[in-house]
């Protein structure tokens, strides 16, 4: 009797050391190849994102300055040098009553004024109350400032044509929209425009200051300067000869590489419009965004 030998089926328990080494080498080559191909694309993506972010920040800073310029008291921009400028932003403005309400005022108003009478603003005499005729975007508050007829830059800073508000009363009748009471003031005579502006007491004059922006970057590739907005320091009659300390201001933009501010108060043949040039460069991680804008400034009170 013959006995057959059982068939032997061998099984492998795993990878050999050589196979593992080959897999590791192949994966390393693939990873290195991908890094060479993908690294420039990733760097370009990161750089473009940084540029987009700093461009947006620079744009926001420029828009903030332009908003104050466009809302400023006419002829109030002062610029001691190309690194800063001063102005007096307003919160609202409108038309004031220039003459009596002859239709609705009582006859007694001609000789004796009472709160029931209309209150015109007459530059020929001191004023303590006047009525507004137009709706205002923001209701003034006590301690805010009224400015009328600012034809000379120094007037608003020296208080020649400003008066502090003591009370605001709603009228909404034939006399006008609001009755504004002020500290007794005789405004400059000869102005017939009938317009007034309101300056918030919480900020008054404002300085934009570019500090530390010397055109160089730090060890991280960031601009070393800051753009700040200094406010609520009052009104200084003397024309500024230098920029105020930036430490006292609110930061508008950081990582600033350079700034240039230029102002011409008499642009054009009519001499009623100024022109301001704002230039700002911001740098982060050695990526820069440069924005420059020019804007006309209305100087007609």
C-alpha atoms as a PDB file:
ATOM      1  CA  UNK A   1       0.000   0.000   0.000  1.00  0.00           C
ATOM      2  CA  UNK A   2       1.346   3.318  -1.000  1.00  0.00           C
ATOM      3  CA  UNK A   3       0.915   6.395   1.194  1.00  0.00           C
ATOM      4  CA  UNK A   4       0.779   9.778  -0.507  1.00  0.00           C
ATOM      5  CA  UNK A   5       2.426  12.758   1.155  1.00  0.00           C
ATOM      6  CA  UNK A   6       0.124  15.618   2.032  1.00  0.00           C
ATOM      7  CA  UNK A   7       0.582  18.720  -0.116  1.00  0.00           C
ATOM      8  CA  UNK A   8       2.350  21.600   1.610  1.00  0.00           C
ATOM      9  CA  UNK A   9       0.900  25.085   1.072  1.00  0.00           C
ATOM     10  CA  UNK A  10       3.289  27.806   2.321  1.00  0.00           C
ATOM     11  CA  UNK A  11       1.971  31.185   3.619  1.00  0.00           C
ATOM     12  CA  UNK A  12       3.943  34.425   4.029  1.00  0.00           C
ATOM     13  CA  UNK A  13       3.601  36.198   7.375  1.00  0.00           C
ATOM     14  CA  UNK A  14       4.324  39.843   6.154  1.00  0.00           C
ATOM     15  CA  UNK A  15       6.722  42.146   4.329  1.00  0.00           C
ATOM     16  CA  UNK A  16      10.370  41.500   4.387  1.00  0.00           C
ATOM     17  CA  UNK A  17      12.773  44.166   5.594  1.00  0.00           C
ATOM     18  CA  UNK A  18      13.915  44.833   2.038  1.00  0.00           C
ATOM     19  CA  UNK A  19      10.352  45.422   0.876  1.00  0.00           C
ATOM     20  CA  UNK A  20       9.711  47.857   3.722  1.00  0.00           C
ATOM     21  CA  UNK A  21      12.854  49.784   2.887  1.00  0.00           C
ATOM     22  CA  UNK A  22      11.821  49.957  -0.773  1.00  0.00           C
ATOM     23  CA  UNK A  23       8.362  51.297   0.163  1.00  0.00           C
ATOM     24  CA  UNK A  24       9.880  53.950   2.415  1.00  0.00           C
ATOM     25  CA  UNK A  25      12.310  55.051  -0.296  1.00  0.00           C
ATOM     26  CA  UNK A  26       9.559  55.239  -2.912  1.00  0.00           C
ATOM     27  CA  UNK A  27       7.271  57.230  -0.605  1.00  0.00           C
ATOM     28  CA  UNK A  28      10.119  59.632   0.224  1.00  0.00           C
ATOM     29  CA  UNK A  29      10.777  60.219  -3.470  1.00  0.00           C
ATOM     30  CA  UNK A  30       7.085  60.854  -4.117  1.00  0.00           C
ATOM     31  CA  UNK A  31       6.838  63.257  -1.141  1.00  0.00           C
ATOM     32  CA  UNK A  32       9.913  65.160  -2.251  1.00  0.00           C
ATOM     33  CA  UNK A  33       8.549  65.432  -5.778  1.00  0.00           C
ATOM     34  CA  UNK A  34       5.206  66.710  -4.508  1.00  0.00           C
ATOM     35  CA  UNK A  35       6.961  69.240  -2.261  1.00  0.00           C
ATOM     36  CA  UNK A  36       8.941  70.588  -5.208  1.00  0.00           C
ATOM     37  CA  UNK A  37       5.783  70.920  -7.296  1.00  0.00           C
ATOM     38  CA  UNK A  38       3.379  72.130  -4.577  1.00  0.00           C
ATOM     39  CA  UNK A  39       5.617  74.447  -2.528  1.00  0.00           C
ATOM     40  CA  UNK A  40       5.619  77.340  -5.021  1.00  0.00           C
ATOM     41  CA  UNK A  41       1.847  77.107  -5.367  1.00  0.00           C
ATOM     42  CA  UNK A  42       1.361  77.104  -1.584  1.00  0.00           C
ATOM     43  CA  UNK A  43       3.775  80.009  -1.149  1.00  0.00           C
ATOM     44  CA  UNK A  44       1.991  81.950  -3.870  1.00  0.00           C
ATOM     45  CA  UNK A  45      -1.356  81.300  -2.179  1.00  0.00           C
ATOM     46  CA  UNK A  46      -0.086  82.478   1.224  1.00  0.00           C
ATOM     47  CA  UNK A  47       1.553  85.554  -0.298  1.00  0.00           C
ATOM     48  CA  UNK A  48      -1.587  86.500  -2.237  1.00  0.00           C
ATOM     49  CA  UNK A  49      -3.670  86.108   0.919  1.00  0.00           C
ATOM     50  CA  UNK A  50      -1.290  88.382   2.861  1.00  0.00           C
ATOM     51  CA  UNK A  51      -1.400  90.976   0.070  1.00  0.00           C
ATOM     52  CA  UNK A  52      -5.191  90.846   0.013  1.00  0.00           C
ATOM     53  CA  UNK A  53      -5.395  91.323   3.787  1.00  0.00           C
ATOM     54  CA  UNK A  54      -3.010  94.268   3.952  1.00  0.00           C
ATOM     55  CA  UNK A  55      -4.635  95.818   0.867  1.00  0.00           C
ATOM     56  CA  UNK A  56      -7.964  95.661   2.663  1.00  0.00           C
ATOM     57  CA  UNK A  57      -6.453  97.190   5.808  1.00  0.00           C
ATOM     58  CA  UNK A  58      -4.813  99.987   3.806  1.00  0.00           C
ATOM     59  CA  UNK A  59      -8.084 100.652   1.976  1.00  0.00           C
ATOM     60  CA  UNK A  60      -9.982 100.858   5.280  1.00  0.00           C
ATOM     61  CA  UNK A  61      -7.431 103.337   6.654  1.00  0.00           C
ATOM     62  CA  UNK A  62      -7.631 105.536   3.546  1.00  0.00           C
ATOM     63  CA  UNK A  63     -11.434 105.465   3.640  1.00  0.00           C
ATOM     64  CA  UNK A  64     -11.429 106.445   7.323  1.00  0.00           C
ATOM     65  CA  UNK A  65      -9.269 109.478   6.611  1.00  0.00           C
ATOM     66  CA  UNK A  66     -11.327 110.471   3.567  1.00  0.00           C
ATOM     67  CA  UNK A  67     -14.563 110.250   5.550  1.00  0.00           C
ATOM     68  CA  UNK A  68     -13.221 112.725   8.104  1.00  0.00           C
ATOM     69  CA  UNK A  69     -11.896 114.983   5.333  1.00  0.00           C
ATOM     70  CA  UNK A  70     -15.278 115.104   3.593  1.00  0.00           C
ATOM     71  CA  UNK A  71     -17.142 115.753   6.850  1.00  0.00           C
ATOM     72  CA  UNK A  72     -14.691 118.343   8.120  1.00  0.00           C
ATOM     73  CA  UNK A  73     -15.407 122.023   8.730  1.00  0.00           C
ATOM     74  CA  UNK A  74     -14.473 123.892   5.508  1.00  0.00           C
ATOM     75  CA  UNK A  75     -10.968 125.375   5.587  1.00  0.00           C
ATOM     76  CA  UNK A  76     -10.069 123.456   8.756  1.00  0.00           C
ATOM     77  CA  UNK A  77      -7.270 121.247   7.362  1.00  0.00           C
ATOM     78  CA  UNK A  78      -3.796 122.091   8.702  1.00  0.00           C
ATOM     79  CA  UNK A  79      -0.687 120.152   7.707  1.00  0.00           C
ATOM     80  CA  UNK A  80       2.642 120.816   9.473  1.00  0.00           C
ATOM     81  CA  UNK A  81       4.496 118.220   7.364  1.00  0.00           C
ATOM     82  CA  UNK A  82       3.918 115.214   5.098  1.00  0.00           C
ATOM     83  CA  UNK A  83       3.577 112.793   8.039  1.00  0.00           C
ATOM     84  CA  UNK A  84       0.447 114.225   9.657  1.00  0.00           C
ATOM     85  CA  UNK A  85      -2.520 116.533   9.161  1.00  0.00           C
ATOM     86  CA  UNK A  86      -5.173 118.127  11.380  1.00  0.00           C
ATOM     87  CA  UNK A  87      -8.848 118.850  10.735  1.00  0.00           C
ATOM     88  CA  UNK A  88     -12.154 119.401  12.545  1.00  0.00           C
ATOM     89  CA  UNK A  89     -14.682 116.654  11.646  1.00  0.00           C
ATOM     90  CA  UNK A  90     -18.392 117.385  12.058  1.00  0.00           C
ATOM     91  CA  UNK A  91     -21.296 115.157  13.079  1.00  0.00           C
ATOM     92  CA  UNK A  92     -24.075 117.063  11.304  1.00  0.00           C
ATOM     93  CA  UNK A  93     -25.072 120.418   9.886  1.00  0.00           C
ATOM     94  CA  UNK A  94     -27.898 122.298   8.247  1.00  0.00           C
ATOM     95  CA  UNK A  95     -29.623 125.650   7.741  1.00  0.00           C
ATOM     96  CA  UNK A  96     -30.487 128.094  10.496  1.00  0.00           C
ATOM     97  CA  UNK A  97     -33.304 130.629  10.572  1.00  0.00           C
ATOM     98  CA  UNK A  98     -32.076 134.009   9.325  1.00  0.00           C
ATOM     99  CA  UNK A  99     -35.228 136.033   9.859  1.00  0.00           C
ATOM    100  CA  UNK A 100     -38.364 136.187  11.967  1.00  0.00           C
ATOM    101  CA  UNK A 101     -41.451 134.106  11.196  1.00  0.00           C
ATOM    102  CA  UNK A 102     -43.606 137.112  10.302  1.00  0.00           C
ATOM    103  CA  UNK A 103     -46.614 134.926   9.552  1.00  0.00           C
ATOM    104  CA  UNK A 104     -46.880 132.988  12.806  1.00  0.00           C
ATOM    105  CA  UNK A 105     -45.069 135.108  15.412  1.00  0.00           C
ATOM    106  CA  UNK A 106     -47.259 137.114  17.764  1.00  0.00           C
ATOM    107  CA  UNK A 107     -47.112 140.900  17.450  1.00  0.00           C
ATOM    108  CA  UNK A 108     -45.417 141.080  20.838  1.00  0.00           C
ATOM    109  CA  UNK A 109     -42.397 139.183  19.416  1.00  0.00           C
ATOM    110  CA  UNK A 110     -41.353 142.390  17.653  1.00  0.00           C
ATOM    111  CA  UNK A 111     -40.530 144.049  20.957  1.00  0.00           C
ATOM    112  CA  UNK A 112     -40.156 141.231  23.482  1.00  0.00           C
ATOM    113  CA  UNK A 113     -38.743 137.826  22.604  1.00  0.00           C
ATOM    114  CA  UNK A 114     -40.080 134.742  24.408  1.00  0.00           C
ATOM    115  CA  UNK A 115     -39.670 131.027  23.832  1.00  0.00           C
ATOM    116  CA  UNK A 116     -42.964 131.096  21.878  1.00  0.00           C
ATOM    117  CA  UNK A 117     -41.373 133.344  19.250  1.00  0.00           C
ATOM    118  CA  UNK A 118     -39.153 132.206  16.390  1.00  0.00           C
ATOM    119  CA  UNK A 119     -35.413 132.557  17.014  1.00  0.00           C
ATOM    120  CA  UNK A 120     -33.362 133.751  14.035  1.00  0.00           C
ATOM    121  CA  UNK A 121     -29.587 133.988  14.097  1.00  0.00           C
ATOM    122  CA  UNK A 122     -28.516 137.584  13.445  1.00  0.00           C
ATOM    123  CA  UNK A 123     -24.745 138.086  13.007  1.00  0.00           C
ATOM    124  CA  UNK A 124     -25.158 141.775  13.833  1.00  0.00           C
ATOM    125  CA  UNK A 125     -25.735 140.948  17.482  1.00  0.00           C
ATOM    126  CA  UNK A 126     -24.959 138.335  20.109  1.00  0.00           C
ATOM    127  CA  UNK A 127     -26.963 135.114  19.830  1.00  0.00           C
ATOM    128  CA  UNK A 128     -28.091 132.757  22.594  1.00  0.00           C
ATOM    129  CA  UNK A 129     -30.790 130.778  20.726  1.00  0.00           C
ATOM    130  CA  UNK A 130     -31.484 129.969  17.090  1.00  0.00           C
ATOM    131  CA  UNK A 131     -33.876 127.684  15.217  1.00  0.00           C
ATOM    132  CA  UNK A 132     -32.834 125.121  12.620  1.00  0.00           C
ATOM    133  CA  UNK A 133     -34.901 124.764   9.442  1.00  0.00           C
ATOM    134  CA  UNK A 134     -33.602 121.489   8.020  1.00  0.00           C
ATOM    135  CA  UNK A 135     -33.648 117.946   9.424  1.00  0.00           C
ATOM    136  CA  UNK A 136     -30.296 116.888  10.882  1.00  0.00           C
ATOM    137  CA  UNK A 137     -28.704 113.476  10.412  1.00  0.00           C
ATOM    138  CA  UNK A 138     -27.639 113.480  14.088  1.00  0.00           C
ATOM    139  CA  UNK A 139     -29.231 115.439  16.912  1.00  0.00           C
ATOM    140  CA  UNK A 140     -26.640 117.655  18.629  1.00  0.00           C
ATOM    141  CA  UNK A 141     -26.039 117.361  22.356  1.00  0.00           C
ATOM    142  CA  UNK A 142     -25.200 119.851  25.064  1.00  0.00           C
ATOM    143  CA  UNK A 143     -21.478 120.725  25.077  1.00  0.00           C
ATOM    144  CA  UNK A 144     -21.122 120.092  21.337  1.00  0.00           C
ATOM    145  CA  UNK A 145     -19.915 123.039  19.252  1.00  0.00           C
ATOM    146  CA  UNK A 146     -21.646 125.137  16.588  1.00  0.00           C
ATOM    147  CA  UNK A 147     -19.422 126.484  13.793  1.00  0.00           C
ATOM    148  CA  UNK A 148     -20.580 129.181  11.359  1.00  0.00           C
ATOM    149  CA  UNK A 149     -18.746 130.856   8.468  1.00  0.00           C
ATOM    150  CA  UNK A 150     -15.271 129.347   8.662  1.00  0.00           C
ATOM    151  CA  UNK A 151     -13.526 131.176   5.830  1.00  0.00           C
ATOM    152  CA  UNK A 152     -10.128 131.351   7.517  1.00  0.00           C
ATOM    153  CA  UNK A 153      -8.356 128.216   8.733  1.00  0.00           C
ATOM    154  CA  UNK A 154      -7.396 129.712  12.092  1.00  0.00           C
ATOM    155  CA  UNK A 155     -10.931 130.917  12.971  1.00  0.00           C
ATOM    156  CA  UNK A 156     -12.390 127.580  14.058  1.00  0.00           C
ATOM    157  CA  UNK A 157      -9.315 126.766  16.147  1.00  0.00           C
ATOM    158  CA  UNK A 158      -9.201 130.204  17.790  1.00  0.00           C
ATOM    159  CA  UNK A 159     -12.940 130.191  18.561  1.00  0.00           C
ATOM    160  CA  UNK A 160     -13.732 133.191  16.363  1.00  0.00           C
ATOM    161  CA  UNK A 161     -16.814 131.513  14.880  1.00  0.00           C
ATOM    162  CA  UNK A 162     -17.625 128.743  17.374  1.00  0.00           C
ATOM    163  CA  UNK A 163     -20.019 128.546  20.299  1.00  0.00           C
ATOM    164  CA  UNK A 164     -20.713 125.703  22.722  1.00  0.00           C
ATOM    165  CA  UNK A 165     -24.231 124.289  22.854  1.00  0.00           C
ATOM    166  CA  UNK A 166     -26.011 124.532  26.201  1.00  0.00           C
ATOM    167  CA  UNK A 167     -29.368 122.977  25.270  1.00  0.00           C
ATOM    168  CA  UNK A 168     -31.246 121.395  22.364  1.00  0.00           C
ATOM    169  CA  UNK A 169     -35.060 121.505  22.173  1.00  0.00           C
ATOM    170  CA  UNK A 170     -37.284 119.795  19.590  1.00  0.00           C
ATOM    171  CA  UNK A 171     -39.744 122.148  17.867  1.00  0.00           C
ATOM    172  CA  UNK A 172     -41.135 120.522  14.709  1.00  0.00           C
ATOM    173  CA  UNK A 173     -43.515 123.416  14.107  1.00  0.00           C
ATOM    174  CA  UNK A 174     -43.558 126.627  12.083  1.00  0.00           C
ATOM    175  CA  UNK A 175     -40.530 127.915  13.988  1.00  0.00           C
ATOM    176  CA  UNK A 176     -38.285 125.089  12.782  1.00  0.00           C
ATOM    177  CA  UNK A 177     -37.010 121.629  13.610  1.00  0.00           C
ATOM    178  CA  UNK A 178     -34.821 122.311  16.632  1.00  0.00           C
ATOM    179  CA  UNK A 179     -34.026 125.229  18.909  1.00  0.00           C
ATOM    180  CA  UNK A 180     -30.356 125.263  19.789  1.00  0.00           C
ATOM    181  CA  UNK A 181     -29.224 127.297  22.773  1.00  0.00           C
ATOM    182  CA  UNK A 182     -25.588 128.384  22.899  1.00  0.00           C
ATOM    183  CA  UNK A 183     -23.262 130.397  25.063  1.00  0.00           C
ATOM    184  CA  UNK A 184     -23.752 134.036  24.024  1.00  0.00           C
ATOM    185  CA  UNK A 185     -21.848 134.613  20.783  1.00  0.00           C
ATOM    186  CA  UNK A 186     -21.719 137.182  18.013  1.00  0.00           C
ATOM    187  CA  UNK A 187     -20.634 135.351  14.881  1.00  0.00           C
ATOM    188  CA  UNK A 188     -18.586 137.032  12.127  1.00  0.00           C
ATOM    189  CA  UNK A 189     -20.689 139.624  10.325  1.00  0.00           C
ATOM    190  CA  UNK A 190     -21.334 139.560   6.603  1.00  0.00           C
ATOM    191  CA  UNK A 191     -22.067 135.865   6.050  1.00  0.00           C
ATOM    192  CA  UNK A 192     -25.396 135.169   4.335  1.00  0.00           C
ATOM    193  CA  UNK A 193     -25.094 131.431   3.611  1.00  0.00           C
ATOM    194  CA  UNK A 194     -27.307 130.428   6.536  1.00  0.00           C
ATOM    195  CA  UNK A 195     -25.377 127.204   7.157  1.00  0.00           C
ATOM    196  CA  UNK A 196     -24.045 125.838  10.428  1.00  0.00           C
ATOM    197  CA  UNK A 197     -22.074 122.752  11.407  1.00  0.00           C
ATOM    198  CA  UNK A 198     -21.859 120.787  14.639  1.00  0.00           C
ATOM    199  CA  UNK A 199     -18.577 119.476  16.037  1.00  0.00           C
ATOM    200  CA  UNK A 200     -18.855 116.722  18.699  1.00  0.00           C
ATOM    201  CA  UNK A 201     -17.294 117.751  21.996  1.00  0.00           C
ATOM    202  CA  UNK A 202     -16.058 114.169  22.426  1.00  0.00           C
ATOM    203  CA  UNK A 203     -13.463 114.623  19.677  1.00  0.00           C
ATOM    204  CA  UNK A 204     -13.215 118.294  18.564  1.00  0.00           C
ATOM    205  CA  UNK A 205     -10.074 118.699  16.438  1.00  0.00           C
ATOM    206  CA  UNK A 206      -8.447 115.509  15.114  1.00  0.00           C
ATOM    207  CA  UNK A 207      -4.896 114.710  14.034  1.00  0.00           C
ATOM    208  CA  UNK A 208      -3.893 111.808  11.763  1.00  0.00           C
ATOM    209  CA  UNK A 209      -0.273 110.904  12.511  1.00  0.00           C
ATOM    210  CA  UNK A 210       2.009 108.463  10.688  1.00  0.00           C
ATOM    211  CA  UNK A 211       4.643 107.505  13.252  1.00  0.00           C
ATOM    212  CA  UNK A 212       7.738 105.319  12.897  1.00  0.00           C
ATOM    213  CA  UNK A 213       7.188 104.634   9.191  1.00  0.00           C
ATOM    214  CA  UNK A 214      10.735 105.136   7.912  1.00  0.00           C
ATOM    215  CA  UNK A 215      10.532 102.937   4.809  1.00  0.00           C
ATOM    216  CA  UNK A 216      12.243  99.931   6.429  1.00  0.00           C
ATOM    217  CA  UNK A 217      10.958  96.626   7.820  1.00  0.00           C
ATOM    218  CA  UNK A 218      11.692  94.741  11.023  1.00  0.00           C
ATOM    219  CA  UNK A 219      13.242  91.277  11.344  1.00  0.00           C
ATOM    220  CA  UNK A 220       9.896  89.675  10.448  1.00  0.00           C
ATOM    221  CA  UNK A 221       9.495  91.675   7.272  1.00  0.00           C
ATOM    222  CA  UNK A 222       6.816  93.984   8.695  1.00  0.00           C
ATOM    223  CA  UNK A 223       6.549  97.749   8.343  1.00  0.00           C
ATOM    224  CA  UNK A 224       7.649  99.452  11.564  1.00  0.00           C
ATOM    225  CA  UNK A 225       5.183 102.354  11.574  1.00  0.00           C
ATOM    226  CA  UNK A 226       1.636 102.989  12.762  1.00  0.00           C
ATOM    227  CA  UNK A 227      -1.107 105.348  11.604  1.00  0.00           C
ATOM    228  CA  UNK A 228      -3.038 106.804  14.539  1.00  0.00           C
ATOM    229  CA  UNK A 229      -5.981 109.149  15.024  1.00  0.00           C
ATOM    230  CA  UNK A 230      -5.467 111.601  17.887  1.00  0.00           C
ATOM    231  CA  UNK A 231      -8.615 113.340  19.156  1.00  0.00           C
ATOM    232  CA  UNK A 232     -10.217 115.212  22.064  1.00  0.00           C
ATOM    233  CA  UNK A 233      -7.249 117.454  22.805  1.00  0.00           C
ATOM    234  CA  UNK A 234      -9.249 120.647  22.273  1.00  0.00           C
ATOM    235  CA  UNK A 235      -8.698 123.515  19.837  1.00  0.00           C
ATOM    236  CA  UNK A 236      -5.244 125.037  19.513  1.00  0.00           C
ATOM    237  CA  UNK A 237      -5.192 128.493  17.954  1.00  0.00           C
ATOM    238  CA  UNK A 238      -1.523 128.352  16.908  1.00  0.00           C
ATOM    239  CA  UNK A 239      -0.782 126.587  13.637  1.00  0.00           C
ATOM    240  CA  UNK A 240       0.966 123.274  14.482  1.00  0.00           C
ATOM    241  CA  UNK A 241       4.646 123.071  13.611  1.00  0.00           C
ATOM    242  CA  UNK A 242       5.061 119.345  14.285  1.00  0.00           C
ATOM    243  CA  UNK A 243       3.046 116.144  14.669  1.00  0.00           C
ATOM    244  CA  UNK A 244       1.655 115.245  18.115  1.00  0.00           C
ATOM    245  CA  UNK A 245       2.773 112.124  19.977  1.00  0.00           C
ATOM    246  CA  UNK A 246       1.294 109.010  18.409  1.00  0.00           C
ATOM    247  CA  UNK A 247       1.039 107.216  21.766  1.00  0.00           C
ATOM    248  CA  UNK A 248      -2.074 109.217  22.648  1.00  0.00           C
ATOM    249  CA  UNK A 249      -4.013 108.184  19.541  1.00  0.00           C
ATOM    250  CA  UNK A 250      -6.217 105.320  18.388  1.00  0.00           C
ATOM    251  CA  UNK A 251      -4.478 102.945  15.958  1.00  0.00           C
ATOM    252  CA  UNK A 252      -5.976 103.102  12.465  1.00  0.00           C
ATOM    253  CA  UNK A 253      -3.365 100.886  10.772  1.00  0.00           C
ATOM    254  CA  UNK A 254      -0.219  99.048  11.843  1.00  0.00           C
ATOM    255  CA  UNK A 255       2.745  97.573   9.916  1.00  0.00           C
ATOM    256  CA  UNK A 256       2.968 100.848   7.999  1.00  0.00           C
ATOM    257  CA  UNK A 257       6.037 101.168   5.768  1.00  0.00           C
ATOM    258  CA  UNK A 258       5.532 104.777   4.658  1.00  0.00           C
ATOM    259  CA  UNK A 259       3.003 107.632   4.478  1.00  0.00           C
ATOM    260  CA  UNK A 260       2.742 110.876   2.524  1.00  0.00           C
ATOM    261  CA  UNK A 261       0.096 113.552   3.105  1.00  0.00           C
ATOM    262  CA  UNK A 262      -0.057 116.659   0.889  1.00  0.00           C
ATOM    263  CA  UNK A 263      -2.679 119.421   0.968  1.00  0.00           C
ATOM    264  CA  UNK A 264      -3.295 122.379  -1.354  1.00  0.00           C
ATOM    265  CA  UNK A 265      -5.981 124.680   0.120  1.00  0.00           C
ATOM    266  CA  UNK A 266      -6.565 126.632  -3.103  1.00  0.00           C
ATOM    267  CA  UNK A 267      -7.055 124.194  -5.944  1.00  0.00           C
ATOM    268  CA  UNK A 268      -8.738 125.473  -9.088  1.00  0.00           C
ATOM    269  CA  UNK A 269      -9.720 128.817 -10.540  1.00  0.00           C
ATOM    270  CA  UNK A 270     -12.555 129.540  -8.073  1.00  0.00           C
ATOM    271  CA  UNK A 271     -10.351 128.991  -5.007  1.00  0.00           C
ATOM    272  CA  UNK A 272     -13.344 127.272  -3.324  1.00  0.00           C
ATOM    273  CA  UNK A 273     -11.946 123.740  -3.369  1.00  0.00           C
ATOM    274  CA  UNK A 274      -8.798 122.367  -1.824  1.00  0.00           C
ATOM    275  CA  UNK A 275      -7.063 119.149  -2.814  1.00  0.00           C
ATOM    276  CA  UNK A 276      -5.602 116.515  -0.510  1.00  0.00           C
ATOM    277  CA  UNK A 277      -3.301 113.650  -1.469  1.00  0.00           C
ATOM    278  CA  UNK A 278      -3.138 110.583   0.806  1.00  0.00           C
ATOM    279  CA  UNK A 279      -0.515 107.907   0.194  1.00  0.00           C
ATOM    280  CA  UNK A 280      -0.082 104.803   2.376  1.00  0.00           C
ATOM    281  CA  UNK A 281       2.145 101.708   2.079  1.00  0.00           C
ATOM    282  CA  UNK A 282       1.728  98.724   4.399  1.00  0.00           C
ATOM    283  CA  UNK A 283       4.099  95.738   4.568  1.00  0.00           C
ATOM    284  CA  UNK A 284       3.681  92.335   6.234  1.00  0.00           C
ATOM    285  CA  UNK A 285       5.962  89.322   5.783  1.00  0.00           C
ATOM    286  CA  UNK A 286       7.792  91.324   3.089  1.00  0.00           C
ATOM    287  CA  UNK A 287       4.573  91.638   1.084  1.00  0.00           C
ATOM    288  CA  UNK A 288       3.449  95.236   0.472  1.00  0.00           C
ATOM    289  CA  UNK A 289       0.261  97.070  -0.493  1.00  0.00           C
ATOM    290  CA  UNK A 290       0.523 100.632  -1.755  1.00  0.00           C
ATOM    291  CA  UNK A 291      -2.550 102.868  -2.044  1.00  0.00           C
ATOM    292  CA  UNK A 292      -2.725 106.502  -3.102  1.00  0.00           C
ATOM    293  CA  UNK A 293      -5.804 108.687  -3.542  1.00  0.00           C
ATOM    294  CA  UNK A 294      -6.496 112.346  -4.197  1.00  0.00           C
ATOM    295  CA  UNK A 295      -9.707 114.082  -3.181  1.00  0.00           C
ATOM    296  CA  UNK A 296     -11.204 117.525  -3.608  1.00  0.00           C
ATOM    297  CA  UNK A 297     -12.078 119.331  -0.379  1.00  0.00           C
ATOM    298  CA  UNK A 298     -14.977 121.776  -0.277  1.00  0.00           C
ATOM    299  CA  UNK A 299     -13.843 125.046   1.311  1.00  0.00           C
ATOM    300  CA  UNK A 300     -17.087 127.012   0.914  1.00  0.00           C
ATOM    301  CA  UNK A 301     -18.658 127.602   4.351  1.00  0.00           C
END
